[in-house]
Amino acid sequence: MNVLFAIDTNTEEVIVSGSPKGSNKVNFIERITRNNNEIFYNAVITLTSITKATHFDVALFKAMDKVCQMIYNKHKETM
């Protein structure tokens, strides 16, 4: 399962979704508010900003995605 992250700037939440490997289907998992985990929210903001860069750097994106995955997994452990 690939975990995907997006930001809802209106509600200041991270939207967490999952996609089975080899599938185009995306399933909603949960929303995490900025107040609930500000470090995670800021990490996903950074991940999103990397995708909007004029010169998209795949290696940088993958590294930041790993950081977001790690923070999300830690978040799940504590909840």
PDB file of N, CA and C in Angstrom:
ATOM      1  N   MET A   1       0.849  -1.180   0.000  1.00  0.00           N
ATOM      2  CA  MET A   1       0.000   0.000   0.000  1.00  0.00           C
ATOM      3  C   MET A   1       0.893   1.241   0.000  1.00  0.00           C
ATOM      4  N   ASN A   2       0.661   2.114  -0.945  1.00  0.00           N
ATOM      5  CA  ASN A   2       1.336   3.415  -0.991  1.00  0.00           C
ATOM      6  C   ASN A   2       0.483   4.422  -0.242  1.00  0.00           C
ATOM      7  N   VAL A   3       1.072   5.126   0.698  1.00  0.00           N
ATOM      8  CA  VAL A   3       0.352   6.155   1.447  1.00  0.00           C
ATOM      9  C   VAL A   3       0.649   7.499   0.785  1.00  0.00           C
ATOM     10  N   LEU A   4      -0.415   8.264   0.541  1.00  0.00           N
ATOM     11  CA  LEU A   4      -0.328   9.547  -0.142  1.00  0.00           C
ATOM     12  C   LEU A   4      -0.792  10.653   0.795  1.00  0.00           C
ATOM     13  N   PHE A   5      -0.205  11.834   0.643  1.00  0.00           N
ATOM     14  CA  PHE A   5      -0.533  12.963   1.510  1.00  0.00           C
ATOM     15  C   PHE A   5      -0.928  14.171   0.681  1.00  0.00           C
ATOM     16  N   ALA A   6      -1.892  14.919   1.202  1.00  0.00           N
ATOM     17  CA  ALA A   6      -2.307  16.180   0.578  1.00  0.00           C
ATOM     18  C   ALA A   6      -2.668  17.145   1.700  1.00  0.00           C
ATOM     19  N   ILE A   7      -2.638  18.424   1.392  1.00  0.00           N
ATOM     20  CA  ILE A   7      -2.974  19.461   2.373  1.00  0.00           C
ATOM     21  C   ILE A   7      -4.308  20.083   2.013  1.00  0.00           C
ATOM     22  N   ASP A   8      -5.174  20.214   3.002  1.00  0.00           N
ATOM     23  CA  ASP A   8      -6.395  21.010   2.866  1.00  0.00           C
ATOM     24  C   ASP A   8      -6.125  22.308   3.610  1.00  0.00           C
ATOM     25  N   THR A   9      -5.811  23.362   2.857  1.00  0.00           N
ATOM     26  CA  THR A   9      -5.441  24.632   3.482  1.00  0.00           C
ATOM     27  C   THR A   9      -6.630  25.313   4.153  1.00  0.00           C
ATOM     28  N   ASN A  10      -7.848  25.007   3.704  1.00  0.00           N
ATOM     29  CA  ASN A  10      -9.034  25.623   4.313  1.00  0.00           C
ATOM     30  C   ASN A  10      -9.245  25.153   5.745  1.00  0.00           C
ATOM     31  N   THR A  11      -9.013  23.860   5.991  1.00  0.00           N
ATOM     32  CA  THR A  11      -9.229  23.310   7.336  1.00  0.00           C
ATOM     33  C   THR A  11      -7.928  23.066   8.088  1.00  0.00           C
ATOM     34  N   GLU A  12      -6.781  23.349   7.416  1.00  0.00           N
ATOM     35  CA  GLU A  12      -5.461  23.086   7.984  1.00  0.00           C
ATOM     36  C   GLU A  12      -5.347  21.633   8.446  1.00  0.00           C
ATOM     37  N   GLU A  13      -5.600  20.723   7.505  1.00  0.00           N
ATOM     38  CA  GLU A  13      -5.518  19.291   7.763  1.00  0.00           C
ATOM     39  C   GLU A  13      -4.668  18.620   6.691  1.00  0.00           C
ATOM     40  N   VAL A  14      -4.026  17.526   7.107  1.00  0.00           N
ATOM     41  CA  VAL A  14      -3.380  16.640   6.147  1.00  0.00           C
ATOM     42  C   VAL A  14      -4.392  15.555   5.821  1.00  0.00           C
ATOM     43  N   ILE A  15      -4.610  15.351   4.532  1.00  0.00           N
ATOM     44  CA  ILE A  15      -5.480  14.269   4.079  1.00  0.00           C
ATOM     45  C   ILE A  15      -4.577  13.092   3.749  1.00  0.00           C
ATOM     46  N   VAL A  16      -4.818  11.972   4.413  1.00  0.00           N
ATOM     47  CA  VAL A  16      -4.024  10.769   4.202  1.00  0.00           C
ATOM     48  C   VAL A  16      -4.880   9.786   3.408  1.00  0.00           C
ATOM     49  N   SER A  17      -4.312   9.291   2.319  1.00  0.00           N
ATOM     50  CA  SER A  17      -5.000   8.329   1.464  1.00  0.00           C
ATOM     51  C   SER A  17      -4.055   7.175   1.182  1.00  0.00           C
ATOM     52  N   GLY A  18      -4.629   6.091   0.691  1.00  0.00           N
ATOM     53  CA  GLY A  18      -3.815   4.938   0.348  1.00  0.00           C
ATOM     54  C   GLY A  18      -4.175   4.422  -1.029  1.00  0.00           C
ATOM     55  N   SER A  19      -3.188   3.840  -1.682  1.00  0.00           N
ATOM     56  CA  SER A  19      -3.386   3.265  -3.006  1.00  0.00           C
ATOM     57  C   SER A  19      -2.675   1.916  -3.051  1.00  0.00           C
ATOM     58  N   PRO A  20      -3.417   0.836  -3.300  1.00  0.00           N
ATOM     59  CA  PRO A  20      -2.758  -0.466  -3.407  1.00  0.00           C
ATOM     60  C   PRO A  20      -1.742  -0.447  -4.546  1.00  0.00           C
ATOM     61  N   LYS A  21      -0.605  -1.096  -4.338  1.00  0.00           N
ATOM     62  CA  LYS A  21       0.437  -1.127  -5.379  1.00  0.00           C
ATOM     63  C   LYS A  21      -0.144  -1.707  -6.658  1.00  0.00           C
ATOM     64  N   GLY A  22       0.139  -1.025  -7.769  1.00  0.00           N
ATOM     65  CA  GLY A  22      -0.340  -1.474  -9.069  1.00  0.00           C
ATOM     66  C   GLY A  22      -1.763  -1.053  -9.392  1.00  0.00           C
ATOM     67  N   SER A  23      -2.354  -0.241  -8.528  1.00  0.00           N
ATOM     68  CA  SER A  23      -3.741   0.182  -8.722  1.00  0.00           C
ATOM     69  C   SER A  23      -3.804   1.688  -8.934  1.00  0.00           C
ATOM     70  N   ASN A  24      -4.821   2.127  -9.648  1.00  0.00           N
ATOM     71  CA  ASN A  24      -5.072   3.556  -9.819  1.00  0.00           C
ATOM     72  C   ASN A  24      -6.097   4.061  -8.806  1.00  0.00           C
ATOM     73  N   LYS A  25      -6.627   3.172  -7.986  1.00  0.00           N
ATOM     74  CA  LYS A  25      -7.646   3.541  -7.019  1.00  0.00           C
ATOM     75  C   LYS A  25      -7.000   4.144  -5.775  1.00  0.00           C
ATOM     76  N   VAL A  26      -7.586   5.249  -5.293  1.00  0.00           N
ATOM     77  CA  VAL A  26      -7.094   5.917  -4.091  1.00  0.00           C
ATOM     78  C   VAL A  26      -8.205   5.880  -3.046  1.00  0.00           C
ATOM     79  N   ASN A  27      -7.882   5.387  -1.853  1.00  0.00           N
ATOM     80  CA  ASN A  27      -8.848   5.269  -0.762  1.00  0.00           C
ATOM     81  C   ASN A  27      -8.496   6.232   0.369  1.00  0.00           C
ATOM     82  N   PHE A  28      -9.495   6.963   0.833  1.00  0.00           N
ATOM     83  CA  PHE A  28      -9.323   7.871   1.962  1.00  0.00           C
ATOM     84  C   PHE A  28      -9.007   7.063   3.209  1.00  0.00           C
ATOM     85  N   ILE A  29      -8.019   7.526   3.992  1.00  0.00           N
ATOM     86  CA  ILE A  29      -7.678   6.870   5.260  1.00  0.00           C
ATOM     87  C   ILE A  29      -8.108   7.744   6.433  1.00  0.00           C
ATOM     88  N   GLU A  30      -7.601   8.985   6.482  1.00  0.00           N
ATOM     89  CA  GLU A  30      -7.948   9.860   7.600  1.00  0.00           C
ATOM     90  C   GLU A  30      -7.511  11.297   7.322  1.00  0.00           C
ATOM     91  N   ARG A  31      -7.972  12.197   8.186  1.00  0.00           N
ATOM     92  CA  ARG A  31      -7.542  13.598   8.179  1.00  0.00           C
ATOM     93  C   ARG A  31      -6.872  13.855   9.518  1.00  0.00           C
ATOM     94  N   ILE A  32      -5.742  14.560   9.477  1.00  0.00           N
ATOM     95  CA  ILE A  32      -5.017  14.893  10.701  1.00  0.00           C
ATOM     96  C   ILE A  32      -4.878  16.406  10.752  1.00  0.00           C
ATOM     97  N   THR A  33      -5.411  17.001  11.802  1.00  0.00           N
ATOM     98  CA  THR A  33      -5.384  18.454  11.909  1.00  0.00           C
ATOM     99  C   THR A  33      -3.979  18.951  12.239  1.00  0.00           C
ATOM    100  N   ARG A  34      -3.743  20.173  11.855  1.00  0.00           N
ATOM    101  CA  ARG A  34      -2.451  20.818  12.148  1.00  0.00           C
ATOM    102  C   ARG A  34      -2.205  20.837  13.649  1.00  0.00           C
ATOM    103  N   ASN A  35      -3.246  21.112  14.423  1.00  0.00           N
ATOM    104  CA  ASN A  35      -3.120  21.165  15.889  1.00  0.00           C
ATOM    105  C   ASN A  35      -2.781  19.802  16.488  1.00  0.00           C
ATOM    106  N   ASN A  36      -3.181  18.738  15.805  1.00  0.00           N
ATOM    107  CA  ASN A  36      -2.943  17.386  16.306  1.00  0.00           C
ATOM    108  C   ASN A  36      -1.502  16.940  16.065  1.00  0.00           C
ATOM    109  N   ASN A  37      -0.880  17.424  14.973  1.00  0.00           N
ATOM    110  CA  ASN A  37       0.508  17.062  14.685  1.00  0.00           C
ATOM    111  C   ASN A  37       1.112  18.107  13.753  1.00  0.00           C
ATOM    112  N   GLU A  38       1.600  19.182  14.339  1.00  0.00           N
ATOM    113  CA  GLU A  38       2.112  20.302  13.561  1.00  0.00           C
ATOM    114  C   GLU A  38       3.365  19.946  12.764  1.00  0.00           C
ATOM    115  N   ILE A  39       4.210  19.093  13.303  1.00  0.00           N
ATOM    116  CA  ILE A  39       5.416  18.685  12.574  1.00  0.00           C
ATOM    117  C   ILE A  39       5.033  17.954  11.288  1.00  0.00           C
ATOM    118  N   PHE A  40       4.080  17.060  11.372  1.00  0.00           N
ATOM    119  CA  PHE A  40       3.611  16.318  10.197  1.00  0.00           C
ATOM    120  C   PHE A  40       2.998  17.268   9.175  1.00  0.00           C
ATOM    121  N   TYR A  41       2.166  18.180   9.646  1.00  0.00           N
ATOM    122  CA  TYR A  41       1.531  19.163   8.756  1.00  0.00           C
ATOM    123  C   TYR A  41       2.599  19.963   8.006  1.00  0.00           C
ATOM    124  N   ASN A  42       3.599  20.450   8.711  1.00  0.00           N
ATOM    125  CA  ASN A  42       4.653  21.243   8.075  1.00  0.00           C
ATOM    126  C   ASN A  42       5.493  20.405   7.102  1.00  0.00           C
ATOM    127  N   ALA A  43       5.709  19.143   7.432  1.00  0.00           N
ATOM    128  CA  ALA A  43       6.455  18.265   6.530  1.00  0.00           C
ATOM    129  C   ALA A  43       5.698  18.072   5.213  1.00  0.00           C
ATOM    130  N   VAL A  44       4.387  17.897   5.296  1.00  0.00           N
ATOM    131  CA  VAL A  44       3.588  17.715   4.077  1.00  0.00           C
ATOM    132  C   VAL A  44       3.511  19.024   3.294  1.00  0.00           C
ATOM    133  N   ILE A  45       3.499  20.154   3.981  1.00  0.00           N
ATOM    134  CA  ILE A  45       3.572  21.457   3.295  1.00  0.00           C
ATOM    135  C   ILE A  45       4.872  21.517   2.479  1.00  0.00           C
ATOM    136  N   THR A  46       5.979  21.098   3.082  1.00  0.00           N
ATOM    137  CA  THR A  46       7.258  21.087   2.379  1.00  0.00           C
ATOM    138  C   THR A  46       7.221  20.130   1.196  1.00  0.00           C
ATOM    139  N   LEU A  47       6.669  18.940   1.391  1.00  0.00           N
ATOM    140  CA  LEU A  47       6.543  17.971   0.303  1.00  0.00           C
ATOM    141  C   LEU A  47       5.747  18.566  -0.858  1.00  0.00           C
ATOM    142  N   THR A  48       4.663  19.239  -0.536  1.00  0.00           N
ATOM    143  CA  THR A  48       3.825  19.862  -1.554  1.00  0.00           C
ATOM    144  C   THR A  48       4.585  20.965  -2.282  1.00  0.00           C
ATOM    145  N   SER A  49       5.356  21.751  -1.553  1.00  0.00           N
ATOM    146  CA  SER A  49       6.100  22.841  -2.193  1.00  0.00           C
ATOM    147  C   SER A  49       7.168  22.303  -3.141  1.00  0.00           C
ATOM    148  N   ILE A  50       7.732  21.139  -2.844  1.00  0.00           N
ATOM    149  CA  ILE A  50       8.712  20.526  -3.740  1.00  0.00           C
ATOM    150  C   ILE A  50       8.073  20.196  -5.084  1.00  0.00           C
ATOM    151  N   THR A  51       6.824  19.753  -5.062  1.00  0.00           N
ATOM    152  CA  THR A  51       6.145  19.395  -6.316  1.00  0.00           C
ATOM    153  C   THR A  51       5.842  20.623  -7.166  1.00  0.00           C
ATOM    154  N   LYS A  52       5.785  21.787  -6.541  1.00  0.00           N
ATOM    155  CA  LYS A  52       5.462  23.018  -7.266  1.00  0.00           C
ATOM    156  C   LYS A  52       6.693  23.769  -7.747  1.00  0.00           C
ATOM    157  N   ALA A  53       7.880  23.255  -7.436  1.00  0.00           N
ATOM    158  CA  ALA A  53       9.126  23.933  -7.806  1.00  0.00           C
ATOM    159  C   ALA A  53       9.290  23.978  -9.323  1.00  0.00           C
ATOM    160  N   THR A  54       9.887  25.048  -9.802  1.00  0.00           N
ATOM    161  CA  THR A  54      10.134  25.211 -11.235  1.00  0.00           C
ATOM    162  C   THR A  54      10.949  24.046 -11.783  1.00  0.00           C
ATOM    163  N   HIS A  55      11.960  23.631 -11.043  1.00  0.00           N
ATOM    164  CA  HIS A  55      12.804  22.508 -11.448  1.00  0.00           C
ATOM    165  C   HIS A  55      12.572  21.363 -10.466  1.00  0.00           C
ATOM    166  N   PHE A  56      11.568  20.533 -10.771  1.00  0.00           N
ATOM    167  CA  PHE A  56      11.200  19.424  -9.901  1.00  0.00           C
ATOM    168  C   PHE A  56      12.367  18.448  -9.756  1.00  0.00           C
ATOM    169  N   ASP A  57      12.728  18.154  -8.516  1.00  0.00           N
ATOM    170  CA  ASP A  57      13.830  17.247  -8.207  1.00  0.00           C
ATOM    171  C   ASP A  57      13.256  15.961  -7.624  1.00  0.00           C
ATOM    172  N   VAL A  58      13.291  14.882  -8.406  1.00  0.00           N
ATOM    173  CA  VAL A  58      12.696  13.609  -7.989  1.00  0.00           C
ATOM    174  C   VAL A  58      13.369  13.069  -6.732  1.00  0.00           C
ATOM    175  N   ALA A  59      14.682  13.136  -6.667  1.00  0.00           N
ATOM    176  CA  ALA A  59      15.401  12.608  -5.501  1.00  0.00           C
ATOM    177  C   ALA A  59      15.012  13.359  -4.230  1.00  0.00           C
ATOM    178  N   LEU A  60      14.898  14.659  -4.328  1.00  0.00           N
ATOM    179  CA  LEU A  60      14.487  15.467  -3.178  1.00  0.00           C
ATOM    180  C   LEU A  60      13.049  15.130  -2.772  1.00  0.00           C
ATOM    181  N   PHE A  61      12.171  14.979  -3.765  1.00  0.00           N
ATOM    182  CA  PHE A  61      10.784  14.608  -3.478  1.00  0.00           C
ATOM    183  C   PHE A  61      10.717  13.263  -2.753  1.00  0.00           C
ATOM    184  N   LYS A  62      11.447  12.278  -3.248  1.00  0.00           N
ATOM    185  CA  LYS A  62      11.426  10.947  -2.625  1.00  0.00           C
ATOM    186  C   LYS A  62      11.957  10.991  -1.195  1.00  0.00           C
ATOM    187  N   ALA A  63      12.999  11.776  -0.979  1.00  0.00           N
ATOM    188  CA  ALA A  63      13.561  11.898   0.372  1.00  0.00           C
ATOM    189  C   ALA A  63      12.552  12.532   1.325  1.00  0.00           C
ATOM    190  N   MET A  64      11.889  13.597   0.874  1.00  0.00           N
ATOM    191  CA  MET A  64      10.902  14.267   1.727  1.00  0.00           C
ATOM    192  C   MET A  64       9.685  13.377   1.949  1.00  0.00           C
ATOM    193  N   ASP A  65       9.306  12.603   0.938  1.00  0.00           N
ATOM    194  CA  ASP A  65       8.193  11.669   1.101  1.00  0.00           C
ATOM    195  C   ASP A  65       8.528  10.632   2.167  1.00  0.00           C
ATOM    196  N   LYS A  66       9.769  10.159   2.193  1.00  0.00           N
ATOM    197  CA  LYS A  66      10.190   9.202   3.229  1.00  0.00           C
ATOM    198  C   LYS A  66      10.091   9.831   4.615  1.00  0.00           C
ATOM    199  N   VAL A  67      10.455  11.105   4.723  1.00  0.00           N
ATOM    200  CA  VAL A  67      10.337  11.811   5.995  1.00  0.00           C
ATOM    201  C   VAL A  67       8.861  11.862   6.418  1.00  0.00           C
ATOM    202  N   CYS A  68       7.991  12.220   5.487  1.00  0.00           N
ATOM    203  CA  CYS A  68       6.555  12.289   5.788  1.00  0.00           C
ATOM    204  C   CYS A  68       6.016  10.921   6.199  1.00  0.00           C
ATOM    205  N   GLN A  69       6.443   9.879   5.497  1.00  0.00           N
ATOM    206  CA  GLN A  69       6.011   8.513   5.837  1.00  0.00           C
ATOM    207  C   GLN A  69       6.450   8.156   7.258  1.00  0.00           C
ATOM    208  N   MET A  70       7.690   8.497   7.603  1.00  0.00           N
ATOM    209  CA  MET A  70       8.212   8.189   8.931  1.00  0.00           C
ATOM    210  C   MET A  70       7.426   8.942  10.010  1.00  0.00           C
ATOM    211  N   ILE A  71       7.183  10.217   9.789  1.00  0.00           N
ATOM    212  CA  ILE A  71       6.431  11.004  10.773  1.00  0.00           C
ATOM    213  C   ILE A  71       5.014  10.453  10.908  1.00  0.00           C
ATOM    214  N   TYR A  72       4.387  10.091   9.795  1.00  0.00           N
ATOM    215  CA  TYR A  72       3.034   9.536   9.839  1.00  0.00           C
ATOM    216  C   TYR A  72       3.019   8.214  10.613  1.00  0.00           C
ATOM    217  N   ASN A  73       3.985   7.349  10.368  1.00  0.00           N
ATOM    218  CA  ASN A  73       4.029   6.067  11.082  1.00  0.00           C
ATOM    219  C   ASN A  73       4.231   6.278  12.581  1.00  0.00           C
ATOM    220  N   LYS A  74       5.072   7.235  12.964  1.00  0.00           N
ATOM    221  CA  LYS A  74       5.253   7.568  14.389  1.00  0.00           C
ATOM    222  C   LYS A  74       3.945   8.083  14.973  1.00  0.00           C
ATOM    223  N   HIS A  75       3.240   8.908  14.202  1.00  0.00           N
ATOM    224  CA  HIS A  75       1.955   9.465  14.639  1.00  0.00           C
ATOM    225  C   HIS A  75       0.962   8.326  14.919  1.00  0.00           C
ATOM    226  N   LYS A  76       0.909   7.353  14.016  1.00  0.00           N
ATOM    227  CA  LYS A  76      -0.018   6.224  14.188  1.00  0.00           C
ATOM    228  C   LYS A  76       0.319   5.420  15.434  1.00  0.00           C
ATOM    229  N   GLU A  77       1.610   5.290  15.736  1.00  0.00           N
ATOM    230  CA  GLU A  77       2.037   4.524  16.914  1.00  0.00           C
ATOM    231  C   GLU A  77       1.567   5.172  18.215  1.00  0.00           C
ATOM    232  N   THR A  78       1.509   6.495  18.221  1.00  0.00           N
ATOM    233  CA  THR A  78       1.159   7.199  19.459  1.00  0.00           C
ATOM    234  C   THR A  78      -0.343   7.405  19.623  1.00  0.00           C
ATOM    235  N   MET A  79      -1.092   7.115  18.593  1.00  0.00           N
ATOM    236  CA  MET A  79      -2.551   7.338  18.679  1.00  0.00           C
ATOM    237  C   MET A  79      -3.263   6.093  19.131  1.00  0.00           C
TER     238      MET A  79
END
